[in-house]
Amino acid sequence: MKGLIPIESIENKIYLIRGQKVMLDRDLAELYWVKTFVLNQAVKRNQGRFPVDFMFQLNREEFAILKSQIVMSSLPAGMTGWGGRRTLP
């Protein structure tokens, strides 16, 4: 069993986008100890289990703003930036 996650760790991963408090798919995946594409695939396969407003995809402008707000040191170890993503969060 994994240890409890300090609330501060979760609070630091909540962003205000479109007037909503949200967490990025990569951060949710990290909390559940799965890869981001696995989390997204599971959600897509089970869309009927989630409310319509459960998720949305960022547009390029929102993504650019978000990138400028996140300190690079907060990226997971081994990531050198945002270049590894093929889809918008």
PDB file of N, CA and C in Angstrom:
ATOM      1  N   MET A   1       0.845  -1.180   0.000  1.00  0.00           N
ATOM      2  CA  MET A   1       0.000   0.000   0.000  1.00  0.00           C
ATOM      3  C   MET A   1       0.888   1.240   0.000  1.00  0.00           C
ATOM      4  N   LYS A   2       0.523   2.209  -0.819  1.00  0.00           N
ATOM      5  CA  LYS A   2       1.270   3.454  -0.906  1.00  0.00           C
ATOM      6  C   LYS A   2       0.964   4.317   0.311  1.00  0.00           C
ATOM      7  N   GLY A   3       1.917   5.157   0.696  1.00  0.00           N
ATOM      8  CA  GLY A   3       1.712   6.056   1.823  1.00  0.00           C
ATOM      9  C   GLY A   3       0.750   7.181   1.469  1.00  0.00           C
ATOM     10  N   LEU A   4       0.271   7.852   2.480  1.00  0.00           N
ATOM     11  CA  LEU A   4      -0.614   8.987   2.261  1.00  0.00           C
ATOM     12  C   LEU A   4       0.164  10.140   1.631  1.00  0.00           C
ATOM     13  N   ILE A   5      -0.501  10.889   0.781  1.00  0.00           N
ATOM     14  CA  ILE A   5       0.118  12.012   0.095  1.00  0.00           C
ATOM     15  C   ILE A   5      -0.210  13.285   0.869  1.00  0.00           C
ATOM     16  N   PRO A   6       0.785  14.077   1.203  1.00  0.00           N
ATOM     17  CA  PRO A   6       0.510  15.325   1.924  1.00  0.00           C
ATOM     18  C   PRO A   6      -0.421  16.230   1.114  1.00  0.00           C
ATOM     19  N   ILE A   7      -1.351  16.864   1.782  1.00  0.00           N
ATOM     20  CA  ILE A   7      -2.340  17.714   1.104  1.00  0.00           C
ATOM     21  C   ILE A   7      -1.670  18.833   0.318  1.00  0.00           C
ATOM     22  N   GLU A   8      -0.537  19.321   0.803  1.00  0.00           N
ATOM     23  CA  GLU A   8       0.167  20.388   0.097  1.00  0.00           C
ATOM     24  C   GLU A   8       0.609  19.936  -1.286  1.00  0.00           C
ATOM     25  N   SER A   9       0.983  18.661  -1.411  1.00  0.00           N
ATOM     26  CA  SER A   9       1.402  18.123  -2.703  1.00  0.00           C
ATOM     27  C   SER A   9       0.259  18.146  -3.706  1.00  0.00           C
ATOM     28  N   ILE A  10      -0.937  17.909  -3.223  1.00  0.00           N
ATOM     29  CA  ILE A  10      -2.110  17.917  -4.096  1.00  0.00           C
ATOM     30  C   ILE A  10      -2.527  19.354  -4.394  1.00  0.00           C
ATOM     31  N   GLU A  11      -2.546  20.195  -3.379  1.00  0.00           N
ATOM     32  CA  GLU A  11      -2.954  21.594  -3.571  1.00  0.00           C
ATOM     33  C   GLU A  11      -2.070  22.308  -4.589  1.00  0.00           C
ATOM     34  N   ASN A  12      -0.798  21.974  -4.628  1.00  0.00           N
ATOM     35  CA  ASN A  12       0.129  22.606  -5.573  1.00  0.00           C
ATOM     36  C   ASN A  12      -0.123  22.177  -7.013  1.00  0.00           C
ATOM     37  N   LYS A  13      -0.940  21.168  -7.212  1.00  0.00           N
ATOM     38  CA  LYS A  13      -1.227  20.667  -8.564  1.00  0.00           C
ATOM     39  C   LYS A  13      -2.621  21.055  -9.038  1.00  0.00           C
ATOM     40  N   ILE A  14      -3.256  21.954  -8.323  1.00  0.00           N
ATOM     41  CA  ILE A  14      -4.582  22.425  -8.711  1.00  0.00           C
ATOM     42  C   ILE A  14      -4.421  23.804  -9.343  1.00  0.00           C
ATOM     43  N   TYR A  15      -4.961  23.951 -10.546  1.00  0.00           N
ATOM     44  CA  TYR A  15      -4.855  25.196 -11.304  1.00  0.00           C
ATOM     45  C   TYR A  15      -6.243  25.750 -11.561  1.00  0.00           C
ATOM     46  N   LEU A  16      -6.318  27.062 -11.768  1.00  0.00           N
ATOM     47  CA  LEU A  16      -7.578  27.706 -12.115  1.00  0.00           C
ATOM     48  C   LEU A  16      -7.567  27.946 -13.622  1.00  0.00           C
ATOM     49  N   ILE A  17      -8.408  27.205 -14.333  1.00  0.00           N
ATOM     50  CA  ILE A  17      -8.515  27.304 -15.790  1.00  0.00           C
ATOM     51  C   ILE A  17      -9.984  27.384 -16.142  1.00  0.00           C
ATOM     52  N   ARG A  18     -10.339  28.358 -16.983  1.00  0.00           N
ATOM     53  CA  ARG A  18     -11.731  28.570 -17.384  1.00  0.00           C
ATOM     54  C   ARG A  18     -12.648  28.752 -16.174  1.00  0.00           C
ATOM     55  N   GLY A  19     -12.105  29.334 -15.119  1.00  0.00           N
ATOM     56  CA  GLY A  19     -12.895  29.566 -13.918  1.00  0.00           C
ATOM     57  C   GLY A  19     -13.151  28.310 -13.101  1.00  0.00           C
ATOM     58  N   GLN A  20     -12.475  27.217 -13.434  1.00  0.00           N
ATOM     59  CA  GLN A  20     -12.644  25.947 -12.730  1.00  0.00           C
ATOM     60  C   GLN A  20     -11.327  25.539 -12.079  1.00  0.00           C
ATOM     61  N   LYS A  21     -11.423  24.931 -10.918  1.00  0.00           N
ATOM     62  CA  LYS A  21     -10.235  24.348 -10.301  1.00  0.00           C
ATOM     63  C   LYS A  21     -10.033  22.979 -10.942  1.00  0.00           C
ATOM     64  N   VAL A  22      -8.856  22.778 -11.526  1.00  0.00           N
ATOM     65  CA  VAL A  22      -8.599  21.538 -12.260  1.00  0.00           C
ATOM     66  C   VAL A  22      -7.229  20.972 -11.913  1.00  0.00           C
ATOM     67  N   MET A  23      -7.078  19.696 -12.210  1.00  0.00           N
ATOM     68  CA  MET A  23      -5.778  19.037 -12.134  1.00  0.00           C
ATOM     69  C   MET A  23      -5.465  18.509 -13.523  1.00  0.00           C
ATOM     70  N   LEU A  24      -4.204  18.562 -13.900  1.00  0.00           N
ATOM     71  CA  LEU A  24      -3.790  18.050 -15.193  1.00  0.00           C
ATOM     72  C   LEU A  24      -3.762  16.530 -15.180  1.00  0.00           C
ATOM     73  N   ASP A  25      -3.963  15.959 -16.357  1.00  0.00           N
ATOM     74  CA  ASP A  25      -3.948  14.511 -16.470  1.00  0.00           C
ATOM     75  C   ASP A  25      -2.641  13.910 -15.976  1.00  0.00           C
ATOM     76  N   ARG A  26      -1.534  14.567 -16.242  1.00  0.00           N
ATOM     77  CA  ARG A  26      -0.230  14.021 -15.801  1.00  0.00           C
ATOM     78  C   ARG A  26      -0.129  13.974 -14.282  1.00  0.00           C
ATOM     79  N   ASP A  27      -0.725  14.982 -13.609  1.00  0.00           N
ATOM     80  CA  ASP A  27      -0.683  15.015 -12.149  1.00  0.00           C
ATOM     81  C   ASP A  27      -1.606  13.963 -11.548  1.00  0.00           C
ATOM     82  N   LEU A  28      -2.785  13.779 -12.145  1.00  0.00           N
ATOM     83  CA  LEU A  28      -3.689  12.716 -11.672  1.00  0.00           C
ATOM     84  C   LEU A  28      -3.052  11.345 -11.871  1.00  0.00           C
ATOM     85  N   ALA A  29      -2.430  11.160 -13.027  1.00  0.00           N
ATOM     86  CA  ALA A  29      -1.769   9.885 -13.303  1.00  0.00           C
ATOM     87  C   ALA A  29      -0.677   9.609 -12.276  1.00  0.00           C
ATOM     88  N   GLU A  30       0.071  10.640 -11.924  1.00  0.00           N
ATOM     89  CA  GLU A  30       1.130  10.487 -10.922  1.00  0.00           C
ATOM     90  C   GLU A  30       0.541  10.076  -9.575  1.00  0.00           C
ATOM     91  N   LEU A  31      -0.588  10.681  -9.208  1.00  0.00           N
ATOM     92  CA  LEU A  31      -1.231  10.332  -7.930  1.00  0.00           C
ATOM     93  C   LEU A  31      -1.672   8.869  -7.898  1.00  0.00           C
ATOM     94  N   TYR A  32      -2.105   8.363  -9.058  1.00  0.00           N
ATOM     95  CA  TYR A  32      -2.584   6.980  -9.136  1.00  0.00           C
ATOM     96  C   TYR A  32      -1.494   5.995  -9.561  1.00  0.00           C
ATOM     97  N   TRP A  33      -0.270   6.482  -9.716  1.00  0.00           N
ATOM     98  CA  TRP A  33       0.868   5.635 -10.074  1.00  0.00           C
ATOM     99  C   TRP A  33       0.656   4.913 -11.401  1.00  0.00           C
ATOM    100  N   VAL A  34       0.130   5.636 -12.388  1.00  0.00           N
ATOM    101  CA  VAL A  34      -0.027   5.091 -13.736  1.00  0.00           C
ATOM    102  C   VAL A  34       0.550   6.101 -14.722  1.00  0.00           C
ATOM    103  N   LYS A  35       0.756   5.664 -15.946  1.00  0.00           N
ATOM    104  CA  LYS A  35       1.219   6.582 -16.986  1.00  0.00           C
ATOM    105  C   LYS A  35       0.042   7.424 -17.464  1.00  0.00           C
ATOM    106  N   THR A  36       0.345   8.619 -17.935  1.00  0.00           N
ATOM    107  CA  THR A  36      -0.700   9.548 -18.359  1.00  0.00           C
ATOM    108  C   THR A  36      -1.577   8.957 -19.449  1.00  0.00           C
ATOM    109  N   PHE A  37      -0.967   8.297 -20.443  1.00  0.00           N
ATOM    110  CA  PHE A  37      -1.778   7.746 -21.521  1.00  0.00           C
ATOM    111  C   PHE A  37      -2.691   6.629 -21.021  1.00  0.00           C
ATOM    112  N   VAL A  38      -2.286   5.915 -19.994  1.00  0.00           N
ATOM    113  CA  VAL A  38      -3.129   4.856 -19.420  1.00  0.00           C
ATOM    114  C   VAL A  38      -4.348   5.475 -18.741  1.00  0.00           C
ATOM    115  N   LEU A  39      -4.143   6.560 -17.995  1.00  0.00           N
ATOM    116  CA  LEU A  39      -5.253   7.258 -17.356  1.00  0.00           C
ATOM    117  C   LEU A  39      -6.231   7.779 -18.408  1.00  0.00           C
ATOM    118  N   ASN A  40      -5.712   8.466 -19.429  1.00  0.00           N
ATOM    119  CA  ASN A  40      -6.577   9.017 -20.475  1.00  0.00           C
ATOM    120  C   ASN A  40      -7.327   7.922 -21.225  1.00  0.00           C
ATOM    121  N   GLN A  41      -6.668   6.826 -21.483  1.00  0.00           N
ATOM    122  CA  GLN A  41      -7.303   5.705 -22.174  1.00  0.00           C
ATOM    123  C   GLN A  41      -8.432   5.123 -21.330  1.00  0.00           C
ATOM    124  N   ALA A  42      -8.214   4.977 -20.032  1.00  0.00           N
ATOM    125  CA  ALA A  42      -9.244   4.443 -19.136  1.00  0.00           C
ATOM    126  C   ALA A  42     -10.461   5.367 -19.090  1.00  0.00           C
ATOM    127  N   VAL A  43     -10.206   6.675 -19.047  1.00  0.00           N
ATOM    128  CA  VAL A  43     -11.320   7.632 -19.022  1.00  0.00           C
ATOM    129  C   VAL A  43     -12.099   7.564 -20.328  1.00  0.00           C
ATOM    130  N   LYS A  44     -11.400   7.515 -21.464  1.00  0.00           N
ATOM    131  CA  LYS A  44     -12.077   7.438 -22.766  1.00  0.00           C
ATOM    132  C   LYS A  44     -12.928   6.177 -22.879  1.00  0.00           C
ATOM    133  N   ARG A  45     -12.424   5.074 -22.372  1.00  0.00           N
ATOM    134  CA  ARG A  45     -13.161   3.801 -22.452  1.00  0.00           C
ATOM    135  C   ARG A  45     -14.370   3.757 -21.525  1.00  0.00           C
ATOM    136  N   ASN A  46     -14.389   4.633 -20.534  1.00  0.00           N
ATOM    137  CA  ASN A  46     -15.455   4.616 -19.532  1.00  0.00           C
ATOM    138  C   ASN A  46     -16.142   5.976 -19.412  1.00  0.00           C
ATOM    139  N   GLN A  47     -16.323   6.674 -20.520  1.00  0.00           N
ATOM    140  CA  GLN A  47     -16.879   8.029 -20.487  1.00  0.00           C
ATOM    141  C   GLN A  47     -18.243   8.095 -19.820  1.00  0.00           C
ATOM    142  N   GLY A  48     -19.032   7.051 -19.924  1.00  0.00           N
ATOM    143  CA  GLY A  48     -20.359   7.041 -19.319  1.00  0.00           C
ATOM    144  C   GLY A  48     -20.342   7.100 -17.801  1.00  0.00           C
ATOM    145  N   ARG A  49     -19.219   6.802 -17.203  1.00  0.00           N
ATOM    146  CA  ARG A  49     -19.104   6.814 -15.733  1.00  0.00           C
ATOM    147  C   ARG A  49     -18.772   8.193 -15.168  1.00  0.00           C
ATOM    148  N   PHE A  50     -18.460   9.135 -16.043  1.00  0.00           N
ATOM    149  CA  PHE A  50     -18.033  10.455 -15.594  1.00  0.00           C
ATOM    150  C   PHE A  50     -19.054  11.511 -15.989  1.00  0.00           C
ATOM    151  N   PRO A  51     -19.227  12.530 -15.142  1.00  0.00           N
ATOM    152  CA  PRO A  51     -20.114  13.632 -15.527  1.00  0.00           C
ATOM    153  C   PRO A  51     -19.557  14.358 -16.751  1.00  0.00           C
ATOM    154  N   VAL A  52     -20.432  15.007 -17.504  1.00  0.00           N
ATOM    155  CA  VAL A  52     -20.029  15.704 -18.729  1.00  0.00           C
ATOM    156  C   VAL A  52     -18.929  16.725 -18.452  1.00  0.00           C
ATOM    157  N   ASP A  53     -18.980  17.393 -17.305  1.00  0.00           N
ATOM    158  CA  ASP A  53     -17.995  18.425 -17.006  1.00  0.00           C
ATOM    159  C   ASP A  53     -16.773  17.889 -16.251  1.00  0.00           C
ATOM    160  N   PHE A  54     -16.577  16.588 -16.264  1.00  0.00           N
ATOM    161  CA  PHE A  54     -15.454  15.982 -15.546  1.00  0.00           C
ATOM    162  C   PHE A  54     -14.116  16.387 -16.144  1.00  0.00           C
ATOM    163  N   MET A  55     -14.054  16.505 -17.457  1.00  0.00           N
ATOM    164  CA  MET A  55     -12.779  16.813 -18.091  1.00  0.00           C
ATOM    165  C   MET A  55     -12.982  17.674 -19.320  1.00  0.00           C
ATOM    166  N   PHE A  56     -11.924  18.373 -19.678  1.00  0.00           N
ATOM    167  CA  PHE A  56     -11.876  19.104 -20.934  1.00  0.00           C
ATOM    168  C   PHE A  56     -10.425  19.199 -21.360  1.00  0.00           C
ATOM    169  N   GLN A  57     -10.216  19.461 -22.637  1.00  0.00           N
ATOM    170  CA  GLN A  57      -8.858  19.560 -23.150  1.00  0.00           C
ATOM    171  C   GLN A  57      -8.496  21.028 -23.312  1.00  0.00           C
ATOM    172  N   LEU A  58      -7.299  21.366 -22.907  1.00  0.00           N
ATOM    173  CA  LEU A  58      -6.829  22.741 -23.035  1.00  0.00           C
ATOM    174  C   LEU A  58      -6.620  23.088 -24.501  1.00  0.00           C
ATOM    175  N   ASN A  59      -6.830  24.355 -24.838  1.00  0.00           N
ATOM    176  CA  ASN A  59      -6.468  24.800 -26.180  1.00  0.00           C
ATOM    177  C   ASN A  59      -5.017  25.275 -26.132  1.00  0.00           C
ATOM    178  N   ARG A  60      -4.444  25.600 -27.274  1.00  0.00           N
ATOM    179  CA  ARG A  60      -3.016  25.962 -27.330  1.00  0.00           C
ATOM    180  C   ARG A  60      -2.697  27.205 -26.491  1.00  0.00           C
ATOM    181  N   GLU A  61      -3.596  28.174 -26.506  1.00  0.00           N
ATOM    182  CA  GLU A  61      -3.367  29.399 -25.736  1.00  0.00           C
ATOM    183  C   GLU A  61      -3.348  29.101 -24.235  1.00  0.00           C
ATOM    184  N   GLU A  62      -4.306  28.308 -23.761  1.00  0.00           N
ATOM    185  CA  GLU A  62      -4.349  27.938 -22.344  1.00  0.00           C
ATOM    186  C   GLU A  62      -3.106  27.152 -21.956  1.00  0.00           C
ATOM    187  N   PHE A  63      -2.668  26.272 -22.849  1.00  0.00           N
ATOM    188  CA  PHE A  63      -1.481  25.459 -22.593  1.00  0.00           C
ATOM    189  C   PHE A  63      -0.245  26.347 -22.468  1.00  0.00           C
ATOM    190  N   ALA A  64      -0.126  27.347 -23.346  1.00  0.00           N
ATOM    191  CA  ALA A  64       1.013  28.258 -23.302  1.00  0.00           C
ATOM    192  C   ALA A  64       1.015  29.057 -21.996  1.00  0.00           C
ATOM    193  N   ILE A  65      -0.155  29.529 -21.576  1.00  0.00           N
ATOM    194  CA  ILE A  65      -0.261  30.277 -20.327  1.00  0.00           C
ATOM    195  C   ILE A  65       0.116  29.386 -19.147  1.00  0.00           C
ATOM    196  N   LEU A  66      -0.384  28.165 -19.159  1.00  0.00           N
ATOM    197  CA  LEU A  66      -0.096  27.232 -18.072  1.00  0.00           C
ATOM    198  C   LEU A  66       1.399  26.927 -18.001  1.00  0.00           C
ATOM    199  N   LYS A  67       2.022  26.707 -19.149  1.00  0.00           N
ATOM    200  CA  LYS A  67       3.455  26.426 -19.163  1.00  0.00           C
ATOM    201  C   LYS A  67       4.243  27.567 -18.547  1.00  0.00           C
ATOM    202  N   SER A  68       3.805  28.797 -18.803  1.00  0.00           N
ATOM    203  CA  SER A  68       4.533  29.942 -18.271  1.00  0.00           C
ATOM    204  C   SER A  68       4.339  30.082 -16.764  1.00  0.00           C
ATOM    205  N   GLN A  69       3.290  29.482 -16.203  1.00  0.00           N
ATOM    206  CA  GLN A  69       3.017  29.581 -14.774  1.00  0.00           C
ATOM    207  C   GLN A  69       3.691  28.478 -13.961  1.00  0.00           C
ATOM    208  N   ILE A  70       4.033  27.377 -14.598  1.00  0.00           N
ATOM    209  CA  ILE A  70       4.599  26.237 -13.883  1.00  0.00           C
ATOM    210  C   ILE A  70       6.122  26.343 -13.885  1.00  0.00           C
ATOM    211  N   VAL A  71       6.707  26.263 -12.721  1.00  0.00           N
ATOM    212  CA  VAL A  71       8.158  26.305 -12.586  1.00  0.00           C
ATOM    213  C   VAL A  71       8.726  24.989 -13.090  1.00  0.00           C
ATOM    214  N   MET A  72       9.744  25.051 -13.910  1.00  0.00           N
ATOM    215  CA  MET A  72      10.307  23.844 -14.509  1.00  0.00           C
ATOM    216  C   MET A  72      10.766  22.839 -13.459  1.00  0.00           C
ATOM    217  N   SER A  73      11.180  23.286 -12.284  1.00  0.00           N
ATOM    218  CA  SER A  73      11.649  22.357 -11.261  1.00  0.00           C
ATOM    219  C   SER A  73      10.519  21.502 -10.711  1.00  0.00           C
ATOM    220  N   SER A  74       9.267  21.863 -11.005  1.00  0.00           N
ATOM    221  CA  SER A  74       8.158  21.066 -10.499  1.00  0.00           C
ATOM    222  C   SER A  74       7.846  19.884 -11.409  1.00  0.00           C
ATOM    223  N   LEU A  75       8.553  19.792 -12.550  1.00  0.00           N
ATOM    224  CA  LEU A  75       8.331  18.666 -13.442  1.00  0.00           C
ATOM    225  C   LEU A  75       8.907  17.398 -12.825  1.00  0.00           C
ATOM    226  N   PRO A  76       8.297  16.254 -13.122  1.00  0.00           N
ATOM    227  CA  PRO A  76       8.812  14.997 -12.581  1.00  0.00           C
ATOM    228  C   PRO A  76      10.259  14.762 -13.008  1.00  0.00           C
ATOM    229  N   ALA A  77      10.985  14.024 -12.202  1.00  0.00           N
ATOM    230  CA  ALA A  77      12.383  13.713 -12.504  1.00  0.00           C
ATOM    231  C   ALA A  77      12.484  13.074 -13.882  1.00  0.00           C
ATOM    232  N   GLY A  78      13.464  13.477 -14.638  1.00  0.00           N
ATOM    233  CA  GLY A  78      13.673  12.903 -15.960  1.00  0.00           C
ATOM    234  C   GLY A  78      13.018  13.703 -17.072  1.00  0.00           C
ATOM    235  N   MET A  79      12.072  14.574 -16.746  1.00  0.00           N
ATOM    236  CA  MET A  79      11.448  15.392 -17.780  1.00  0.00           C
ATOM    237  C   MET A  79      12.270  16.659 -17.943  1.00  0.00           C
ATOM    238  N   THR A  80      12.554  17.017 -19.168  1.00  0.00           N
ATOM    239  CA  THR A  80      13.356  18.208 -19.421  1.00  0.00           C
ATOM    240  C   THR A  80      12.490  19.366 -19.875  1.00  0.00           C
ATOM    241  N   GLY A  81      11.218  19.209 -19.904  1.00  0.00           N
ATOM    242  CA  GLY A  81      10.324  20.265 -20.355  1.00  0.00           C
ATOM    243  C   GLY A  81       9.047  19.654 -20.861  1.00  0.00           C
ATOM    244  N   TRP A  82       8.351  20.387 -21.724  1.00  0.00           N
ATOM    245  CA  TRP A  82       7.047  19.936 -22.203  1.00  0.00           C
ATOM    246  C   TRP A  82       7.139  19.268 -23.569  1.00  0.00           C
ATOM    247  N   GLY A  83       8.330  19.092 -24.099  1.00  0.00           N
ATOM    248  CA  GLY A  83       8.483  18.563 -25.445  1.00  0.00           C
ATOM    249  C   GLY A  83       8.015  17.131 -25.624  1.00  0.00           C
ATOM    250  N   GLY A  84       7.858  16.356 -24.561  1.00  0.00           N
ATOM    251  CA  GLY A  84       7.494  14.962 -24.682  1.00  0.00           C
ATOM    252  C   GLY A  84       6.022  14.707 -24.957  1.00  0.00           C
ATOM    253  N   ARG A  85       5.174  15.691 -24.748  1.00  0.00           N
ATOM    254  CA  ARG A  85       3.729  15.529 -24.926  1.00  0.00           C
ATOM    255  C   ARG A  85       3.360  15.581 -26.383  1.00  0.00           C
ATOM    256  N   ARG A  86       2.459  14.710 -26.817  1.00  0.00           N
ATOM    257  CA  ARG A  86       1.967  14.733 -28.185  1.00  0.00           C
ATOM    258  C   ARG A  86       0.574  15.331 -28.270  1.00  0.00           C
ATOM    259  N   THR A  87      -0.117  15.393 -27.135  1.00  0.00           N
ATOM    260  CA  THR A  87      -1.459  15.962 -27.113  1.00  0.00           C
ATOM    261  C   THR A  87      -1.536  17.030 -26.037  1.00  0.00           C
ATOM    262  N   LEU A  88      -2.507  17.914 -26.163  1.00  0.00           N
ATOM    263  CA  LEU A  88      -2.699  18.923 -25.141  1.00  0.00           C
ATOM    264  C   LEU A  88      -3.287  18.276 -23.896  1.00  0.00           C
ATOM    265  N   PRO A  89      -2.934  18.798 -22.706  1.00  0.00           N
ATOM    266  CA  PRO A  89      -3.486  18.220 -21.479  1.00  0.00           C
ATOM    267  C   PRO A  89      -4.985  18.444 -21.373  1.00  0.00           C
TER     268      PRO A  89
END
